[in-house]
Amino acid sequence: MDKHKKQPHTGASGRPTSESKNRHGFPAGLTPREVEVLALIATGMTNVEIAKELFISPHTVKNHVTNIYKKLQVEDRTQIALWAIAFNLAGDSQVD
């Protein structure tokens, strides 16, 4: 057992909070593309609209959304949008 391994912080629900960041610097292990999708979801865009905006297929958007649900441990787009707002990732995302 690695006693130096960090335990995830938990919120009121007992679920881990999204304080951890990945190599890209985004919380919850999100990739830059997932952050782009997340920001567009927060503006109210549909998967088809997001696909057109990012020049990817709707199926690829759906895959990104599924990954976002898992990483953020949320169950619907409203929760994704609220999460994006809380972490200042809503709207014009600045992904490098």
C-alpha atoms as a PDB file:
ATOM      1  CA  MET A   1       0.000   0.000   0.000  1.00  0.00           C
ATOM      2  CA  ASP A   2       1.242   3.429  -0.917  1.00  0.00           C
ATOM      3  CA  LYS A   3       0.703   5.633   2.120  1.00  0.00           C
ATOM      4  CA  HIS A   4       1.505   8.704   0.031  1.00  0.00           C
ATOM      5  CA  LYS A   5      -1.419   8.136  -2.323  1.00  0.00           C
ATOM      6  CA  LYS A   6      -3.892  11.012  -2.036  1.00  0.00           C
ATOM      7  CA  GLN A   7      -7.436  10.124  -1.129  1.00  0.00           C
ATOM      8  CA  PRO A   8     -10.118  11.985  -3.109  1.00  0.00           C
ATOM      9  CA  HIS A   9     -11.953  14.792  -1.352  1.00  0.00           C
ATOM     10  CA  THR A  10     -15.638  14.102  -0.945  1.00  0.00           C
ATOM     11  CA  GLY A  11     -18.554  16.488  -1.057  1.00  0.00           C
ATOM     12  CA  ALA A  12     -21.783  16.455   0.913  1.00  0.00           C
ATOM     13  CA  SER A  13     -23.072  13.586  -1.222  1.00  0.00           C
ATOM     14  CA  GLY A  14     -20.028  11.490  -0.359  1.00  0.00           C
ATOM     15  CA  ARG A  15     -18.930  11.571  -3.990  1.00  0.00           C
ATOM     16  CA  PRO A  16     -15.418  12.702  -4.836  1.00  0.00           C
ATOM     17  CA  THR A  17     -15.185  16.355  -5.704  1.00  0.00           C
ATOM     18  CA  SER A  18     -13.498  17.374  -8.909  1.00  0.00           C
ATOM     19  CA  GLU A  19     -10.462  19.069  -7.415  1.00  0.00           C
ATOM     20  CA  SER A  20      -7.968  16.755  -9.052  1.00  0.00           C
ATOM     21  CA  LYS A  21      -6.498  17.987 -12.296  1.00  0.00           C
ATOM     22  CA  ASN A  22      -4.987  16.070 -15.169  1.00  0.00           C
ATOM     23  CA  ARG A  23      -1.884  16.858 -17.188  1.00  0.00           C
ATOM     24  CA  HIS A  24      -3.886  19.459 -19.144  1.00  0.00           C
ATOM     25  CA  GLY A  25      -4.772  21.306 -15.945  1.00  0.00           C
ATOM     26  CA  PHE A  26      -8.503  20.633 -16.189  1.00  0.00           C
ATOM     27  CA  PRO A  27     -10.455  19.303 -13.203  1.00  0.00           C
ATOM     28  CA  ALA A  28     -11.872  15.774 -12.979  1.00  0.00           C
ATOM     29  CA  GLY A  29      -9.464  14.438 -15.566  1.00  0.00           C
ATOM     30  CA  LEU A  30     -11.268  16.172 -18.426  1.00  0.00           C
ATOM     31  CA  THR A  31      -9.495  16.405 -21.770  1.00  0.00           C
ATOM     32  CA  PRO A  32      -9.298  19.705 -23.665  1.00  0.00           C
ATOM     33  CA  ARG A  33     -11.952  18.462 -26.120  1.00  0.00           C
ATOM     34  CA  GLU A  34     -14.254  17.403 -23.281  1.00  0.00           C
ATOM     35  CA  VAL A  35     -13.902  20.896 -21.802  1.00  0.00           C
ATOM     36  CA  GLU A  36     -14.911  22.370 -25.172  1.00  0.00           C
ATOM     37  CA  VAL A  37     -17.964  20.100 -25.292  1.00  0.00           C
ATOM     38  CA  LEU A  38     -18.773  20.865 -21.653  1.00  0.00           C
ATOM     39  CA  ALA A  39     -18.651  24.613 -22.310  1.00  0.00           C
ATOM     40  CA  LEU A  40     -20.980  24.279 -25.300  1.00  0.00           C
ATOM     41  CA  ILE A  41     -23.417  22.126 -23.322  1.00  0.00           C
ATOM     42  CA  ALA A  42     -23.485  24.901 -20.723  1.00  0.00           C
ATOM     43  CA  THR A  43     -24.636  27.334 -23.431  1.00  0.00           C
ATOM     44  CA  GLY A  44     -27.591  25.066 -24.187  1.00  0.00           C
ATOM     45  CA  MET A  45     -26.348  23.553 -27.450  1.00  0.00           C
ATOM     46  CA  THR A  46     -27.548  20.141 -28.601  1.00  0.00           C
ATOM     47  CA  ASN A  47     -25.179  17.360 -29.636  1.00  0.00           C
ATOM     48  CA  VAL A  48     -25.864  18.104 -33.314  1.00  0.00           C
ATOM     49  CA  GLU A  49     -25.118  21.813 -32.814  1.00  0.00           C
ATOM     50  CA  ILE A  50     -21.934  20.969 -30.901  1.00  0.00           C
ATOM     51  CA  ALA A  51     -20.874  18.603 -33.688  1.00  0.00           C
ATOM     52  CA  LYS A  52     -21.278  21.348 -36.283  1.00  0.00           C
ATOM     53  CA  GLU A  53     -19.449  23.891 -34.121  1.00  0.00           C
ATOM     54  CA  LEU A  54     -16.469  21.578 -33.508  1.00  0.00           C
ATOM     55  CA  PHE A  55     -16.458  19.904 -36.948  1.00  0.00           C
ATOM     56  CA  ILE A  56     -16.918  16.422 -35.488  1.00  0.00           C
ATOM     57  CA  SER A  57     -19.674  13.834 -35.816  1.00  0.00           C
ATOM     58  CA  PRO A  58     -22.697  13.777 -33.484  1.00  0.00           C
ATOM     59  CA  HIS A  59     -21.600  10.261 -32.473  1.00  0.00           C
ATOM     60  CA  THR A  60     -18.223  11.632 -31.338  1.00  0.00           C
ATOM     61  CA  VAL A  61     -20.005  14.353 -29.352  1.00  0.00           C
ATOM     62  CA  LYS A  62     -22.153  11.668 -27.721  1.00  0.00           C
ATOM     63  CA  ASN A  63     -18.988   9.781 -26.728  1.00  0.00           C
ATOM     64  CA  HIS A  64     -17.510  12.940 -25.203  1.00  0.00           C
ATOM     65  CA  VAL A  65     -20.749  13.630 -23.310  1.00  0.00           C
ATOM     66  CA  THR A  66     -20.777  10.067 -21.964  1.00  0.00           C
ATOM     67  CA  ASN A  67     -17.185  10.484 -20.774  1.00  0.00           C
ATOM     68  CA  ILE A  68     -18.073  13.811 -19.148  1.00  0.00           C
ATOM     69  CA  TYR A  69     -21.004  12.190 -17.291  1.00  0.00           C
ATOM     70  CA  LYS A  70     -18.676   9.504 -15.936  1.00  0.00           C
ATOM     71  CA  LYS A  71     -15.855  11.835 -14.968  1.00  0.00           C
ATOM     72  CA  LEU A  72     -18.101  14.382 -13.272  1.00  0.00           C
ATOM     73  CA  GLN A  73     -20.396  11.729 -11.808  1.00  0.00           C
ATOM     74  CA  VAL A  74     -23.500  13.552 -13.001  1.00  0.00           C
ATOM     75  CA  GLU A  75     -26.645  12.244 -14.630  1.00  0.00           C
ATOM     76  CA  ASP A  76     -27.953  14.975 -16.934  1.00  0.00           C
ATOM     77  CA  ARG A  77     -26.983  17.985 -19.034  1.00  0.00           C
ATOM     78  CA  THR A  78     -28.288  20.452 -16.459  1.00  0.00           C
ATOM     79  CA  GLN A  79     -25.845  19.094 -13.890  1.00  0.00           C
ATOM     80  CA  ILE A  80     -23.060  19.340 -16.481  1.00  0.00           C
ATOM     81  CA  ALA A  81     -23.960  22.985 -17.097  1.00  0.00           C
ATOM     82  CA  LEU A  82     -24.053  23.773 -13.373  1.00  0.00           C
ATOM     83  CA  TRP A  83     -20.691  22.060 -12.918  1.00  0.00           C
ATOM     84  CA  ALA A  84     -19.232  24.071 -15.815  1.00  0.00           C
ATOM     85  CA  ILE A  85     -20.447  27.316 -14.268  1.00  0.00           C
ATOM     86  CA  ALA A  86     -19.068  26.385 -10.834  1.00  0.00           C
ATOM     87  CA  PHE A  87     -15.619  25.689 -12.300  1.00  0.00           C
ATOM     88  CA  ASN A  88     -15.644  28.717 -14.654  1.00  0.00           C
ATOM     89  CA  LEU A  89     -15.641  26.485 -17.732  1.00  0.00           C
ATOM     90  CA  ALA A  90     -18.974  27.655 -19.135  1.00  0.00           C
ATOM     91  CA  GLY A  91     -19.272  29.706 -22.291  1.00  0.00           C
ATOM     92  CA  ASP A  92     -16.096  30.727 -24.056  1.00  0.00           C
ATOM     93  CA  SER A  93     -13.688  28.028 -22.957  1.00  0.00           C
ATOM     94  CA  GLN A  94     -10.024  28.845 -23.339  1.00  0.00           C
ATOM     95  CA  VAL A  95      -8.528  25.519 -24.383  1.00  0.00           C
ATOM     96  CA  ASP A  96      -4.922  25.571 -25.544  1.00  0.00           C
END
